[in-house]
Amino acid sequence: MNVVLWILQGVLGAAFLFAGATKVLRPKDELAKQMAWVVNSSANAVKLLGAAEVLGGLGLVLPAWTGIAPLLTPLAAVGLMIVMVGAAVTHLRRNEYPMVIFTVVLFVLLAVVAWGRFGPYAY
């Protein structure tokens, strides 16, 4: 199970790092072409969300990998779970049901990481 958790942490970490960096580095107008919800958000809110995703993505891997404050790994998973709740609500309000399903899947995968790293497979 430890190997499964490491794989989940790596894949989720890379995904959130990429998604967050996209939001931080690209202008709002350019993001709106791919992410319709951006139109209803301020540029600063999008950048802040992107920064949270970047930090969460790094937090899923780096603390456990370096052995420095490994408790931050499951905490990063919980923080990203909260972000996914907000994403699901946003997509539900916009009737974007495929994206709701995607965020629920991410939530469940993050919950597995949080459970494993808080509990039986903690460092």
Protein backbone atom coordinates (compact mmCIF):
# COMPACT_ATOMS: atom_id res chain seq x y z
CA MET A 1 0.00 0.00 0.00
CA ASN A 2 2.92 2.34 0.63
CA VAL A 3 3.88 2.09 -3.05
CA VAL A 4 0.30 2.91 -4.08
CA LEU A 5 0.34 5.98 -1.84
CA TRP A 6 3.64 7.14 -3.33
CA ILE A 7 2.26 6.73 -6.84
CA LEU A 8 -0.89 8.68 -5.90
CA GLN A 9 1.17 11.39 -4.24
CA GLY A 10 3.42 11.73 -7.29
CA VAL A 11 0.62 11.80 -9.86
CA LEU A 12 -1.61 14.12 -7.82
CA GLY A 13 1.34 16.34 -6.92
CA ALA A 14 2.34 16.72 -10.57
CA ALA A 15 -1.26 17.35 -11.64
CA PHE A 16 -1.86 20.07 -9.05
CA LEU A 17 1.56 21.61 -9.67
CA PHE A 18 0.82 21.85 -13.40
CA ALA A 19 -2.76 23.09 -12.96
CA GLY A 20 -1.72 25.65 -10.36
CA ALA A 21 1.24 26.91 -12.37
CA THR A 22 -1.06 27.37 -15.36
CA LYS A 23 -3.38 29.57 -13.28
CA VAL A 24 -0.50 31.56 -11.80
CA LEU A 25 1.46 32.13 -15.01
CA ARG A 26 -1.21 32.69 -17.66
CA PRO A 27 -3.40 35.81 -17.88
CA LYS A 28 -7.07 35.53 -16.98
CA ASP A 29 -8.24 36.22 -20.55
CA GLU A 30 -6.17 33.34 -21.87
CA LEU A 31 -7.39 31.00 -19.11
CA ALA A 32 -11.02 31.87 -19.83
CA LYS A 33 -10.73 30.14 -23.22
CA GLN A 34 -10.15 26.81 -21.45
CA MET A 35 -11.81 27.38 -18.09
CA ALA A 36 -15.17 29.10 -18.37
CA TRP A 37 -15.50 29.59 -14.60
CA VAL A 38 -12.61 32.08 -14.68
CA VAL A 39 -14.89 34.70 -16.23
CA ASN A 40 -16.81 34.99 -12.95
CA SER A 41 -13.68 35.28 -10.79
CA SER A 42 -11.21 38.07 -10.24
CA ALA A 43 -7.70 37.71 -11.62
CA ASN A 44 -6.32 37.80 -8.08
CA ALA A 45 -8.65 35.00 -6.96
CA VAL A 46 -7.51 32.82 -9.86
CA LYS A 47 -3.85 33.51 -9.05
CA LEU A 48 -4.45 32.74 -5.35
CA LEU A 49 -6.16 29.47 -6.23
CA GLY A 50 -3.26 28.60 -8.52
CA ALA A 51 -0.75 29.35 -5.76
CA ALA A 52 -2.70 27.11 -3.36
CA GLU A 53 -2.64 24.31 -5.94
CA VAL A 54 1.11 24.71 -6.52
CA LEU A 55 1.85 24.65 -2.79
CA GLY A 56 -0.51 21.71 -2.27
CA GLY A 57 1.08 19.79 -5.12
CA LEU A 58 4.54 20.35 -3.66
CA GLY A 59 3.23 19.49 -0.20
CA LEU A 60 1.96 16.11 -1.36
CA VAL A 61 5.48 14.99 -2.24
CA LEU A 62 8.31 17.06 -0.79
CA PRO A 63 7.76 16.71 2.99
CA ALA A 64 7.44 12.92 2.79
CA TRP A 65 10.27 12.57 0.28
CA THR A 66 12.75 14.72 2.23
CA GLY A 67 11.65 13.50 5.65
CA ILE A 68 11.35 17.13 6.78
CA ALA A 69 8.00 17.64 8.54
CA PRO A 70 6.31 14.64 6.84
CA LEU A 71 3.07 15.50 8.65
CA LEU A 72 2.66 18.23 6.03
CA THR A 73 1.94 15.61 3.35
CA PRO A 74 -1.48 14.51 4.67
CA LEU A 75 -2.22 18.12 5.63
CA ALA A 76 -1.57 19.15 2.02
CA ALA A 77 -3.97 16.40 0.91
CA VAL A 78 -6.66 17.74 3.25
CA GLY A 79 -6.06 21.30 2.03
CA LEU A 80 -6.47 20.19 -1.58
CA MET A 81 -9.62 18.28 -0.61
CA ILE A 82 -11.05 21.59 0.58
CA VAL A 83 -10.09 23.17 -2.76
CA MET A 84 -11.88 20.30 -4.54
CA VAL A 85 -15.06 20.92 -2.53
CA GLY A 86 -14.98 24.53 -3.74
CA ALA A 87 -14.34 23.37 -7.30
CA ALA A 88 -17.25 20.93 -7.17
CA VAL A 89 -19.60 23.63 -5.88
CA THR A 90 -18.45 26.03 -8.61
CA HIS A 91 -18.95 23.43 -11.34
CA LEU A 92 -22.34 22.39 -9.94
CA ARG A 93 -23.53 25.99 -10.04
CA ARG A 94 -22.43 26.21 -13.67
CA ASN A 95 -24.04 22.83 -14.55
CA GLU A 96 -20.66 21.43 -15.60
CA TYR A 97 -21.36 17.88 -14.47
CA PRO A 98 -18.36 16.11 -16.07
CA MET A 99 -16.08 18.50 -14.15
CA VAL A 100 -17.99 17.75 -10.93
CA ILE A 101 -17.29 14.05 -11.43
CA PHE A 102 -13.62 14.81 -12.08
CA THR A 103 -13.31 16.88 -8.89
CA VAL A 104 -15.05 14.16 -6.86
CA VAL A 105 -12.55 11.59 -8.19
CA LEU A 106 -9.67 13.89 -7.21
CA PHE A 107 -11.26 14.38 -3.78
CA VAL A 108 -11.44 10.61 -3.22
CA LEU A 109 -7.83 10.08 -4.32
CA LEU A 110 -6.69 12.88 -2.01
CA ALA A 111 -8.73 11.31 0.81
CA VAL A 112 -6.89 8.01 0.28
CA VAL A 113 -3.55 9.82 0.58
CA ALA A 114 -4.68 11.69 3.70
CA TRP A 115 -6.02 8.49 5.31
CA GLY A 116 -2.90 6.51 4.49
CA ARG A 117 -0.41 9.13 5.60
CA PHE A 118 -2.31 10.10 8.77
CA GLY A 119 -2.96 6.50 9.69
CA PRO A 120 -1.50 3.10 8.92
CA TYR A 121 1.19 4.25 6.49
CA ALA A 122 2.40 7.36 8.28
CA TYR A 123 6.08 8.17 8.26
